[in-house]
């Protein structure tokens, strides 16, 4: 599956439009990691447990979006975007969305 955040796939032409697709997930870290992040917040520095949380959430949201596109028969998703929101203290939602299309290599 080709993913791109632009309106086309370089070197390919769009042969079909399958519609908008999306995927989302809500993730939270466990109490121990959340407590450790709170301590790190006092002294400063990167909150690695939250960095990992968001990396995992982005990956899962993108995977779910791709699964939806495959069910529609698409082989690419263009105009991919990600949005993040806080759901509650220590939990975040990541939402991925884009346009599922069918593409093929441009000949010549």
N, C-alpha and C. Protein backbone atom coordinates (compact mmCIF):
# COMPACT_ATOMS: atom_id res chain seq x y z
N UNK A 1 0.86 -1.18 0.00
CA UNK A 1 0.00 0.00 0.00
C UNK A 1 0.90 1.23 0.00
N UNK A 2 0.63 2.13 -0.91
CA UNK A 2 1.38 3.39 -1.00
C UNK A 2 0.64 4.44 -0.17
N UNK A 3 1.36 5.13 0.69
CA UNK A 3 0.80 6.23 1.47
C UNK A 3 1.56 7.50 1.12
N UNK A 4 0.84 8.58 0.90
CA UNK A 4 1.49 9.86 0.63
C UNK A 4 0.63 11.00 1.17
N UNK A 5 1.29 12.08 1.55
CA UNK A 5 0.53 13.23 2.05
C UNK A 5 0.32 14.29 0.97
N UNK A 6 0.62 13.94 -0.29
CA UNK A 6 0.37 14.84 -1.41
C UNK A 6 -0.81 14.33 -2.22
N UNK A 7 -1.22 15.08 -3.24
CA UNK A 7 -2.44 14.78 -3.99
C UNK A 7 -2.28 13.71 -5.06
N UNK A 8 -1.08 13.22 -5.26
CA UNK A 8 -0.86 12.20 -6.28
C UNK A 8 0.32 11.34 -5.87
N UNK A 9 0.57 10.29 -6.65
CA UNK A 9 1.74 9.44 -6.41
C UNK A 9 2.67 9.67 -7.60
N UNK A 10 3.85 10.24 -7.38
CA UNK A 10 4.77 10.51 -8.48
C UNK A 10 5.04 9.26 -9.32
N UNK A 11 4.96 9.42 -10.64
CA UNK A 11 5.20 8.32 -11.56
C UNK A 11 4.02 7.40 -11.75
N UNK A 12 2.90 7.73 -11.15
CA UNK A 12 1.71 6.88 -11.27
C UNK A 12 0.49 7.75 -11.59
N UNK A 13 -0.50 7.13 -12.22
CA UNK A 13 -1.74 7.84 -12.49
C UNK A 13 -2.87 7.21 -11.68
N UNK A 14 -3.80 8.04 -11.26
CA UNK A 14 -4.95 7.56 -10.50
C UNK A 14 -5.97 7.02 -11.49
N UNK A 15 -6.35 5.76 -11.30
CA UNK A 15 -7.30 5.12 -12.21
C UNK A 15 -8.66 4.88 -11.55
N UNK A 16 -8.74 5.09 -10.26
CA UNK A 16 -10.01 4.91 -9.56
C UNK A 16 -10.00 5.59 -8.21
N UNK A 17 -11.17 6.05 -7.82
CA UNK A 17 -11.35 6.74 -6.54
C UNK A 17 -12.24 5.86 -5.67
N UNK A 18 -11.74 5.47 -4.50
CA UNK A 18 -12.48 4.55 -3.62
C UNK A 18 -13.14 5.24 -2.45
N UNK A 19 -12.79 6.49 -2.19
CA UNK A 19 -13.41 7.24 -1.11
C UNK A 19 -12.48 7.51 0.06
N UNK A 20 -13.00 8.25 1.02
CA UNK A 20 -12.22 8.59 2.20
C UNK A 20 -12.11 7.38 3.13
N UNK A 21 -10.94 7.21 3.70
CA UNK A 21 -10.70 6.14 4.66
C UNK A 21 -10.09 6.74 5.92
N UNK A 22 -10.27 6.04 7.03
CA UNK A 22 -9.72 6.54 8.29
C UNK A 22 -9.43 5.39 9.23
N UNK A 23 -8.64 5.70 10.23
CA UNK A 23 -8.35 4.76 11.29
C UNK A 23 -8.04 5.54 12.55
N UNK A 24 -8.41 5.01 13.70
CA UNK A 24 -8.10 5.73 14.93
C UNK A 24 -7.83 4.75 16.06
N UNK A 25 -7.20 5.26 17.09
CA UNK A 25 -6.94 4.48 18.29
C UNK A 25 -6.82 5.44 19.46
N UNK A 26 -7.18 4.97 20.63
CA UNK A 26 -6.98 5.73 21.86
C UNK A 26 -6.04 4.91 22.72
N UNK A 27 -4.96 5.53 23.15
CA UNK A 27 -3.94 4.82 23.91
C UNK A 27 -3.67 5.53 25.23
N UNK A 28 -3.33 4.73 26.25
CA UNK A 28 -2.94 5.25 27.56
C UNK A 28 -1.79 4.42 28.09
N UNK A 29 -0.89 5.05 28.79
CA UNK A 29 0.22 4.34 29.44
C UNK A 29 -0.24 3.85 30.81
N UNK A 30 0.46 2.85 31.33
CA UNK A 30 0.09 2.33 32.64
C UNK A 30 0.54 3.28 33.76
N UNK A 31 0.06 3.04 34.94
CA UNK A 31 0.29 3.94 36.08
C UNK A 31 1.77 4.14 36.37
N UNK A 32 2.56 3.07 36.33
CA UNK A 32 3.99 3.18 36.66
C UNK A 32 4.70 4.11 35.68
N UNK A 33 4.46 3.92 34.38
CA UNK A 33 5.10 4.80 33.39
C UNK A 33 4.56 6.22 33.49
N UNK A 34 3.28 6.35 33.79
CA UNK A 34 2.68 7.67 33.93
C UNK A 34 3.29 8.41 35.13
N UNK A 35 3.52 7.69 36.22
CA UNK A 35 4.15 8.27 37.39
C UNK A 35 5.58 8.71 37.07
N UNK A 36 6.31 7.86 36.35
CA UNK A 36 7.69 8.20 35.95
C UNK A 36 7.72 9.42 35.05
N UNK A 37 6.75 9.55 34.16
CA UNK A 37 6.68 10.72 33.29
C UNK A 37 6.40 11.98 34.10
N UNK A 38 5.59 11.84 35.14
CA UNK A 38 5.31 12.98 36.01
C UNK A 38 6.56 13.47 36.71
N UNK A 39 7.41 12.55 37.15
CA UNK A 39 8.68 12.94 37.77
C UNK A 39 9.60 13.62 36.77
N UNK A 40 9.65 13.09 35.55
CA UNK A 40 10.49 13.66 34.51
C UNK A 40 10.02 15.06 34.16
N UNK A 41 8.72 15.29 34.26
CA UNK A 41 8.15 16.60 33.97
C UNK A 41 8.67 17.65 34.95
N UNK A 42 9.00 17.23 36.16
CA UNK A 42 9.51 18.16 37.17
C UNK A 42 10.94 18.59 36.84
N UNK A 43 11.78 17.64 36.44
CA UNK A 43 13.20 17.94 36.18
C UNK A 43 13.48 18.31 34.74
N UNK A 44 12.54 18.05 33.84
CA UNK A 44 12.71 18.40 32.43
C UNK A 44 13.25 17.25 31.61
N UNK A 45 13.12 17.37 30.31
CA UNK A 45 13.61 16.35 29.39
C UNK A 45 12.48 15.69 28.65
N UNK A 46 12.86 14.81 27.73
CA UNK A 46 11.88 14.11 26.92
C UNK A 46 11.10 13.09 27.75
N UNK A 47 9.82 13.03 27.54
CA UNK A 47 8.97 12.04 28.19
C UNK A 47 8.89 10.84 27.25
N UNK A 48 9.88 9.97 27.34
CA UNK A 48 10.02 8.87 26.38
C UNK A 48 8.82 7.94 26.37
N UNK A 49 8.19 7.72 27.51
CA UNK A 49 7.03 6.82 27.52
C UNK A 49 5.89 7.41 26.70
N UNK A 50 5.75 8.75 26.69
CA UNK A 50 4.71 9.37 25.88
C UNK A 50 5.11 9.41 24.41
N UNK A 51 6.39 9.56 24.13
CA UNK A 51 6.87 9.48 22.75
C UNK A 51 6.54 8.11 22.18
N UNK A 52 6.82 7.06 22.94
CA UNK A 52 6.51 5.70 22.51
C UNK A 52 5.00 5.51 22.35
N UNK A 53 4.22 6.06 23.27
CA UNK A 53 2.77 5.97 23.21
C UNK A 53 2.26 6.52 21.88
N UNK A 54 2.72 7.70 21.51
CA UNK A 54 2.24 8.32 20.28
C UNK A 54 2.76 7.62 19.04
N UNK A 55 3.99 7.10 19.07
CA UNK A 55 4.50 6.33 17.94
C UNK A 55 3.65 5.08 17.71
N UNK A 56 3.33 4.36 18.78
CA UNK A 56 2.49 3.17 18.67
C UNK A 56 1.10 3.54 18.16
N UNK A 57 0.55 4.62 18.66
CA UNK A 57 -0.80 5.04 18.26
C UNK A 57 -0.83 5.45 16.79
N UNK A 58 0.18 6.18 16.33
CA UNK A 58 0.23 6.57 14.92
C UNK A 58 0.29 5.34 14.02
N UNK A 59 1.15 4.40 14.39
CA UNK A 59 1.31 3.17 13.60
C UNK A 59 -0.02 2.40 13.53
N UNK A 60 -0.70 2.26 14.66
CA UNK A 60 -1.96 1.53 14.69
C UNK A 60 -3.05 2.24 13.89
N UNK A 61 -3.15 3.56 14.01
CA UNK A 61 -4.16 4.31 13.26
C UNK A 61 -3.90 4.19 11.76
N UNK A 62 -2.64 4.28 11.35
CA UNK A 62 -2.30 4.13 9.93
C UNK A 62 -2.61 2.72 9.44
N UNK A 63 -2.30 1.71 10.25
CA UNK A 63 -2.60 0.32 9.87
C UNK A 63 -4.11 0.12 9.68
N UNK A 64 -4.90 0.67 10.57
CA UNK A 64 -6.36 0.52 10.47
C UNK A 64 -6.90 1.24 9.22
N UNK A 65 -6.33 2.39 8.92
CA UNK A 65 -6.73 3.12 7.72
C UNK A 65 -6.39 2.30 6.46
N UNK A 66 -5.21 1.69 6.44
CA UNK A 66 -4.80 0.88 5.29
C UNK A 66 -5.70 -0.35 5.13
N UNK A 67 -6.08 -0.97 6.23
CA UNK A 67 -6.97 -2.12 6.17
C UNK A 67 -8.31 -1.73 5.53
N UNK A 68 -8.81 -0.57 5.90
CA UNK A 68 -10.08 -0.10 5.33
C UNK A 68 -9.92 0.14 3.83
N UNK A 69 -8.79 0.73 3.42
CA UNK A 69 -8.55 1.00 2.00
C UNK A 69 -8.43 -0.30 1.21
N UNK A 70 -7.77 -1.31 1.77
CA UNK A 70 -7.64 -2.59 1.09
C UNK A 70 -9.01 -3.23 0.87
N UNK A 71 -9.90 -3.12 1.84
CA UNK A 71 -11.26 -3.67 1.69
C UNK A 71 -12.01 -3.00 0.54
N UNK A 72 -11.65 -1.76 0.24
CA UNK A 72 -12.29 -1.02 -0.85
C UNK A 72 -11.61 -1.29 -2.19
N UNK A 73 -10.52 -2.05 -2.17
CA UNK A 73 -9.80 -2.36 -3.41
C UNK A 73 -8.74 -1.35 -3.81
N UNK A 74 -8.40 -0.46 -2.91
CA UNK A 74 -7.39 0.56 -3.21
C UNK A 74 -5.98 -0.02 -3.07
N UNK A 75 -5.03 0.59 -3.78
CA UNK A 75 -3.63 0.22 -3.60
C UNK A 75 -2.78 1.43 -3.19
N UNK A 76 -3.45 2.55 -2.92
CA UNK A 76 -2.75 3.75 -2.44
C UNK A 76 -3.71 4.63 -1.66
N UNK A 77 -3.14 5.45 -0.79
CA UNK A 77 -3.92 6.46 -0.06
C UNK A 77 -3.19 7.78 -0.21
N UNK A 78 -3.89 8.77 -0.74
CA UNK A 78 -3.29 10.09 -0.94
C UNK A 78 -3.86 11.08 0.08
N UNK A 79 -3.19 12.22 0.19
CA UNK A 79 -3.61 13.27 1.14
C UNK A 79 -3.73 12.75 2.56
N UNK A 80 -2.80 11.91 2.99
CA UNK A 80 -2.85 11.33 4.33
C UNK A 80 -2.57 12.43 5.37
N UNK A 81 -3.40 12.45 6.39
CA UNK A 81 -3.26 13.41 7.49
C UNK A 81 -3.39 12.66 8.81
N UNK A 82 -2.79 13.22 9.85
CA UNK A 82 -2.89 12.69 11.21
C UNK A 82 -3.36 13.80 12.14
N UNK A 83 -4.24 13.45 13.06
CA UNK A 83 -4.71 14.40 14.07
C UNK A 83 -4.59 13.72 15.43
N UNK A 84 -4.27 14.50 16.43
CA UNK A 84 -4.12 13.98 17.79
C UNK A 84 -4.96 14.81 18.74
N UNK A 85 -5.58 14.13 19.70
CA UNK A 85 -6.32 14.86 20.73
C UNK A 85 -6.20 14.14 22.05
N UNK A 86 -6.26 14.90 23.13
CA UNK A 86 -6.24 14.32 24.47
C UNK A 86 -7.67 13.91 24.82
N UNK A 87 -7.83 12.66 25.23
CA UNK A 87 -9.14 12.14 25.59
C UNK A 87 -9.37 12.33 27.09
N UNK A 88 -8.35 12.02 27.86
CA UNK A 88 -8.37 12.18 29.30
C UNK A 88 -6.91 12.29 29.75
N UNK A 89 -6.66 12.55 31.00
CA UNK A 89 -5.29 12.66 31.49
C UNK A 89 -4.54 11.36 31.22
N UNK A 90 -3.45 11.44 30.49
CA UNK A 90 -2.64 10.26 30.21
C UNK A 90 -3.10 9.41 29.05
N UNK A 91 -4.15 9.84 28.34
CA UNK A 91 -4.64 9.08 27.19
C UNK A 91 -4.81 10.01 26.00
N UNK A 92 -4.45 9.50 24.81
CA UNK A 92 -4.55 10.31 23.61
C UNK A 92 -5.17 9.51 22.48
N UNK A 93 -5.91 10.20 21.62
CA UNK A 93 -6.44 9.59 20.41
C UNK A 93 -5.59 10.06 19.24
N UNK A 94 -5.27 9.14 18.35
CA UNK A 94 -4.64 9.49 17.09
C UNK A 94 -5.60 9.05 15.99
N UNK A 95 -5.88 9.97 15.06
CA UNK A 95 -6.82 9.74 13.97
C UNK A 95 -6.06 9.94 12.67
N UNK A 96 -6.06 8.95 11.80
CA UNK A 96 -5.43 9.03 10.48
C UNK A 96 -6.53 9.00 9.43
N UNK A 97 -6.39 9.84 8.39
CA UNK A 97 -7.38 9.84 7.33
C UNK A 97 -6.75 10.25 6.00
N UNK A 98 -7.40 9.85 4.92
CA UNK A 98 -6.91 10.16 3.59
C UNK A 98 -7.91 9.68 2.55
N UNK A 99 -7.51 9.75 1.28
CA UNK A 99 -8.36 9.34 0.18
C UNK A 99 -7.79 8.08 -0.45
N UNK A 100 -8.59 7.01 -0.44
CA UNK A 100 -8.17 5.74 -1.02
C UNK A 100 -8.37 5.79 -2.53
N UNK A 101 -7.33 5.39 -3.27
CA UNK A 101 -7.38 5.40 -4.72
C UNK A 101 -6.73 4.15 -5.29
N UNK A 102 -6.99 3.92 -6.57
CA UNK A 102 -6.29 2.90 -7.33
C UNK A 102 -5.33 3.64 -8.25
N UNK A 103 -4.08 3.20 -8.24
CA UNK A 103 -3.07 3.82 -9.10
C UNK A 103 -2.37 2.76 -9.93
N UNK A 104 -1.81 3.23 -11.05
CA UNK A 104 -0.98 2.32 -11.86
C UNK A 104 0.18 3.14 -12.42
N UNK A 105 1.26 2.42 -12.71
CA UNK A 105 2.49 3.02 -13.22
C UNK A 105 2.21 3.72 -14.56
N UNK A 106 2.78 4.89 -14.73
CA UNK A 106 2.68 5.59 -16.01
C UNK A 106 3.66 4.94 -16.98
N UNK A 107 3.17 4.56 -18.14
CA UNK A 107 4.02 3.89 -19.12
C UNK A 107 4.85 4.91 -19.88
N UNK A 108 6.06 4.51 -20.21
CA UNK A 108 6.91 5.37 -21.03
C UNK A 108 7.98 5.92 -20.27
